[in-house]
N, C-alpha and C. Protein backbone atom coordinates (compact mmCIF):
# COMPACT_ATOMS: atom_id res chain seq x y z
N MET A 1 62.25 -16.43 -13.33
CA MET A 1 63.11 -15.20 -13.41
C MET A 1 64.57 -16.15 -13.20
N ASN A 2 65.01 -17.50 -12.66
CA ASN A 2 65.85 -17.92 -12.34
C ASN A 2 66.45 -18.36 -13.12
N HIS A 3 65.39 -18.50 -14.54
CA HIS A 3 66.14 -19.20 -15.62
C HIS A 3 67.23 -18.11 -16.35
N MET A 4 66.56 -16.87 -16.33
CA MET A 4 67.23 -15.67 -16.68
C MET A 4 68.15 -15.24 -15.55
N ARG A 5 68.43 -15.51 -14.58
CA ARG A 5 69.76 -14.87 -13.48
C ARG A 5 70.83 -16.13 -14.07
N SER A 6 70.33 -17.55 -14.46
CA SER A 6 71.34 -18.29 -14.34
C SER A 6 71.93 -18.47 -15.71
N GLN A 7 70.95 -18.16 -16.76
CA GLN A 7 71.11 -18.77 -17.99
C GLN A 7 71.35 -17.58 -18.75
N HIS A 8 71.26 -16.17 -18.73
CA HIS A 8 71.34 -14.98 -19.35
C HIS A 8 72.01 -13.91 -18.28
N PRO A 9 73.24 -13.87 -18.05
CA PRO A 9 73.23 -13.36 -16.71
C PRO A 9 73.68 -11.55 -17.57
N GLU A 10 73.39 -11.41 -18.20
CA GLU A 10 73.60 -10.04 -19.09
C GLU A 10 72.10 -9.57 -19.06
N MET A 11 71.24 -10.14 -18.25
CA MET A 11 69.93 -9.71 -18.35
C MET A 11 69.50 -9.02 -17.01
N ARG A 12 70.89 -9.09 -15.97
CA ARG A 12 70.96 -8.40 -14.11
C ARG A 12 70.56 -7.35 -14.89
N LYS A 13 69.62 -6.53 -14.00
CA LYS A 13 69.19 -4.86 -14.02
C LYS A 13 68.67 -4.45 -15.53
N GLN A 14 68.36 -5.56 -16.10
CA GLN A 14 67.45 -5.22 -17.71
C GLN A 14 66.27 -4.99 -17.64
N PHE A 15 65.50 -5.08 -16.49
CA PHE A 15 64.06 -5.19 -16.31
C PHE A 15 63.23 -3.97 -16.65
N SER A 16 63.59 -3.29 -16.93
CA SER A 16 62.97 -1.36 -17.26
C SER A 16 63.40 -2.15 -18.85
N LYS A 17 64.09 -2.28 -19.24
CA LYS A 17 64.04 -2.92 -21.03
C LYS A 17 63.36 -3.61 -20.95
N VAL A 18 63.10 -4.77 -20.53
CA VAL A 18 62.18 -5.63 -20.46
C VAL A 18 60.39 -5.25 -20.56
N ALA A 19 60.56 -4.54 -19.29
CA ALA A 19 59.03 -3.68 -19.22
C ALA A 19 58.97 -2.79 -20.76
N ALA A 20 59.92 -2.12 -21.33
CA ALA A 20 59.59 -1.41 -22.02
C ALA A 20 59.25 -2.24 -23.52
N THR A 21 60.02 -3.31 -23.48
CA THR A 21 59.80 -4.34 -25.01
C THR A 21 58.49 -4.99 -24.83
N LEU A 22 57.66 -5.19 -23.33
CA LEU A 22 56.29 -5.62 -23.25
C LEU A 22 55.70 -4.41 -23.66
N ALA A 23 55.41 -3.10 -23.15
CA ALA A 23 54.92 -2.43 -23.34
C ALA A 23 55.32 -1.60 -24.79
N ASN A 24 55.84 -1.36 -25.69
CA ASN A 24 56.10 -0.97 -26.74
C ASN A 24 56.72 -1.57 -27.78
N PRO A 25 56.54 -2.92 -27.95
CA PRO A 25 57.35 -3.53 -28.52
C PRO A 25 57.39 -3.35 -29.78
N GLU A 26 58.39 -3.63 -31.25
CA GLU A 26 58.87 -2.74 -32.66
C GLU A 26 58.35 -3.98 -33.51
N ARG A 27 58.04 -5.29 -33.07
CA ARG A 27 57.71 -6.71 -33.69
C ARG A 27 57.13 -7.27 -32.79
N ILE A 28 56.14 -8.53 -32.93
CA ILE A 28 55.67 -9.36 -32.28
C ILE A 28 55.82 -10.51 -33.37
N VAL A 29 56.53 -11.60 -33.36
CA VAL A 29 56.50 -12.78 -34.11
C VAL A 29 56.30 -13.67 -33.48
N ALA A 30 55.57 -14.64 -34.04
CA ALA A 30 54.46 -16.22 -33.41
C ALA A 30 55.86 -17.00 -33.42
N SER A 31 55.73 -17.97 -32.35
CA SER A 31 56.71 -19.14 -32.07
C SER A 31 56.37 -20.17 -33.42
N ARG A 32 57.69 -20.47 -34.07
CA ARG A 32 57.37 -21.52 -34.93
C ARG A 32 57.38 -23.21 -34.34
N SER A 33 57.40 -23.21 -33.09
CA SER A 33 57.25 -24.40 -32.40
C SER A 33 55.96 -24.78 -31.49
N ASP A 34 55.61 -23.55 -30.78
CA ASP A 34 54.90 -23.43 -29.88
C ASP A 34 53.83 -22.20 -30.32
N ASP A 35 52.34 -22.72 -30.75
CA ASP A 35 51.25 -21.65 -31.18
C ASP A 35 51.00 -21.00 -29.79
N ASP A 36 50.92 -20.76 -28.42
CA ASP A 36 50.67 -20.30 -27.72
C ASP A 36 52.08 -19.34 -27.14
N VAL A 37 52.95 -18.96 -27.97
CA VAL A 37 54.01 -18.37 -27.71
C VAL A 37 54.44 -17.42 -28.72
N ALA A 38 54.71 -16.08 -28.21
CA ALA A 38 55.31 -15.11 -29.04
C ALA A 38 56.25 -14.14 -28.93
N LEU A 39 57.19 -13.58 -29.50
CA LEU A 39 58.31 -13.21 -29.07
C LEU A 39 58.20 -11.95 -29.51
N TYR A 40 58.35 -11.30 -28.28
CA TYR A 40 58.30 -9.34 -28.41
C TYR A 40 59.50 -8.96 -28.75
N TYR A 41 59.75 -8.14 -29.50
CA TYR A 41 61.30 -7.48 -30.06
C TYR A 41 61.08 -5.99 -29.75
N LYS A 42 62.34 -5.66 -29.50
CA LYS A 42 62.64 -3.75 -29.44
C LYS A 42 63.73 -3.61 -29.61
N PHE A 43 64.26 -2.81 -30.13
CA PHE A 43 65.80 -2.28 -30.39
C PHE A 43 66.60 -1.08 -29.50
N PHE A 44 67.62 -1.93 -29.06
CA PHE A 44 67.86 -0.79 -28.09
C PHE A 44 69.65 -0.48 -28.16
N ASP A 45 69.79 0.54 -28.41
CA ASP A 45 71.29 0.69 -28.70
C ASP A 45 72.13 0.62 -28.11
N GLU A 46 71.68 1.03 -26.30
CA GLU A 46 72.59 0.23 -25.32
C GLU A 46 71.91 -0.57 -24.77
N THR A 47 73.07 -1.68 -24.84
CA THR A 47 72.75 -2.88 -23.73
C THR A 47 74.27 -3.28 -23.56
N PRO A 48 74.30 -4.11 -22.22
CA PRO A 48 75.46 -4.80 -22.03
C PRO A 48 76.01 -5.64 -22.42
N VAL A 49 75.69 -5.75 -23.93
CA VAL A 49 76.05 -6.57 -24.94
C VAL A 49 76.19 -5.61 -26.53
N GLY A 50 76.09 -4.41 -26.08
CA GLY A 50 76.19 -3.59 -26.94
C GLY A 50 74.64 -3.42 -27.96
N ALA A 51 74.58 -2.61 -29.05
CA ALA A 51 73.32 -2.46 -29.65
C ALA A 51 72.49 -3.97 -30.46
N MET A 52 71.38 -4.06 -29.39
CA MET A 52 70.85 -5.13 -29.90
C MET A 52 69.55 -5.10 -29.90
N TYR A 53 68.58 -5.94 -30.01
CA TYR A 53 67.15 -6.18 -29.92
C TYR A 53 67.10 -6.99 -28.56
N LEU A 54 65.90 -6.71 -28.15
CA LEU A 54 65.76 -7.54 -27.08
C LEU A 54 64.57 -8.32 -27.05
N CYS A 55 64.88 -9.76 -27.09
CA CYS A 55 63.39 -10.36 -27.42
C CYS A 55 62.96 -10.93 -25.98
N VAL A 56 61.94 -10.72 -25.84
CA VAL A 56 60.80 -11.51 -24.47
C VAL A 56 59.60 -12.59 -25.07
N VAL A 57 60.26 -13.49 -24.63
CA VAL A 57 59.28 -14.88 -24.79
C VAL A 57 58.26 -15.18 -23.82
N VAL A 58 56.90 -14.72 -24.70
CA VAL A 58 55.96 -14.59 -23.71
C VAL A 58 55.23 -16.11 -24.29
N LYS A 59 54.26 -16.59 -22.98
CA LYS A 59 53.18 -17.84 -23.22
C LYS A 59 52.04 -17.19 -22.75
N SER A 60 51.04 -17.72 -23.73
CA SER A 60 49.50 -17.13 -23.21
C SER A 60 49.13 -18.39 -22.91
N GLU A 61 47.96 -18.18 -22.24
CA GLU A 61 47.34 -19.92 -21.84
C GLU A 61 45.41 -18.89 -21.40
N THR A 62 45.07 -19.81 -21.55
CA THR A 62 43.33 -19.78 -21.36
C THR A 62 43.44 -17.86 -20.61
N GLU A 63 43.70 -18.15 -19.47
CA GLU A 63 43.64 -17.15 -18.54
C GLU A 63 44.70 -15.81 -18.55
N SER A 64 45.95 -16.29 -18.82
CA SER A 64 46.74 -15.61 -18.25
C SER A 64 48.01 -15.68 -19.25
N ARG A 65 48.94 -14.86 -19.08
CA ARG A 65 50.07 -14.53 -19.59
C ARG A 65 51.64 -14.55 -18.95
N PHE A 66 52.47 -15.20 -19.58
CA PHE A 66 53.63 -15.30 -18.54
C PHE A 66 54.65 -15.21 -19.28
N MET A 67 56.07 -14.40 -19.02
CA MET A 67 57.09 -14.59 -19.24
C MET A 67 57.84 -15.84 -19.63
N LEU A 68 58.45 -16.41 -20.31
CA LEU A 68 59.48 -17.34 -20.24
C LEU A 68 61.14 -17.18 -20.54
N THR A 69 61.05 -16.30 -20.83
CA THR A 69 62.57 -15.71 -20.96
C THR A 69 62.46 -14.68 -21.72
N ALA A 70 63.89 -14.14 -21.62
CA ALA A 70 64.30 -13.09 -22.45
C ALA A 70 65.88 -12.52 -22.38
N TYR A 71 66.12 -12.60 -23.76
CA TYR A 71 67.65 -12.10 -23.96
C TYR A 71 67.99 -11.44 -24.90
N PHE A 72 68.70 -11.08 -25.21
CA PHE A 72 69.34 -9.80 -26.34
C PHE A 72 69.73 -10.96 -27.45
N THR A 73 69.80 -10.15 -28.40
CA THR A 73 70.24 -10.65 -29.87
C THR A 73 70.01 -9.79 -30.74
N ASN A 74 71.16 -10.36 -32.00
CA ASN A 74 71.31 -8.95 -33.41
C ASN A 74 69.98 -9.50 -34.64
N THR A 75 69.39 -10.53 -34.23
CA THR A 75 68.53 -10.61 -35.64
C THR A 75 66.80 -10.97 -34.65
N VAL A 76 66.35 -10.54 -36.18
CA VAL A 76 64.90 -11.34 -34.72
C VAL A 76 64.13 -12.63 -36.05
N LYS A 77 64.06 -13.23 -34.89
CA LYS A 77 63.59 -14.92 -35.52
C LYS A 77 62.46 -14.45 -37.27
N LYS A 78 62.68 -15.74 -37.90
CA LYS A 78 61.79 -15.79 -38.81
C LYS A 78 60.44 -16.26 -38.23
N GLY A 79 59.51 -15.92 -38.88
CA GLY A 79 57.70 -16.77 -38.17
C GLY A 79 57.28 -15.51 -38.90
N THR A 80 55.98 -15.85 -38.43
CA THR A 80 54.47 -14.88 -39.07
C THR A 80 54.94 -13.69 -38.16
N VAL A 81 54.66 -12.88 -38.71
CA VAL A 81 54.69 -11.31 -38.16
C VAL A 81 53.22 -10.86 -37.30
N LEU A 82 53.17 -11.11 -36.05
CA LEU A 82 51.36 -10.89 -35.47
C LEU A 82 51.33 -9.37 -35.64
N TRP A 83 52.09 -8.88 -35.44
CA TRP A 83 52.08 -7.35 -34.74
C TRP A 83 53.44 -6.50 -35.16
N GLN A 84 53.52 -4.87 -35.81
CA GLN A 84 54.63 -4.30 -36.43
C GLN A 84 54.32 -2.99 -36.02
N LYS A 85 55.05 -2.41 -35.52
CA LYS A 85 54.72 -0.85 -35.76
C LYS A 85 55.47 -0.43 -36.54
N VAL A 86 54.47 0.77 -37.05
CA VAL A 86 54.26 1.26 -38.26
C VAL A 86 55.59 2.48 -38.05
N SER A 87 56.21 2.32 -39.18
CA SER A 87 57.34 3.71 -39.27
C SER A 87 56.62 4.93 -39.77
N LYS A 88 56.86 5.81 -39.23
CA LYS A 88 56.10 7.59 -39.42
C LYS A 88 57.03 7.91 -40.56
């Protein structure tokens, strides 16, 4: 959390969006640099920096998962799509 507070000040008071992204992502993409990391994406119309995707970076280890960081972005990174929400 200290990383997010110091490197991503726009993420202050955004923990409900982080939780929503983890609970109901629109897309999950495998990291291209670490096989144990996945990037969870969800688009939000309103953020401190305008309409953006929220990317939550999650590392999975044998018995646990933990968040490395989260940030707003206007693009989804390229990589293998592990899961994508089906549009109705």
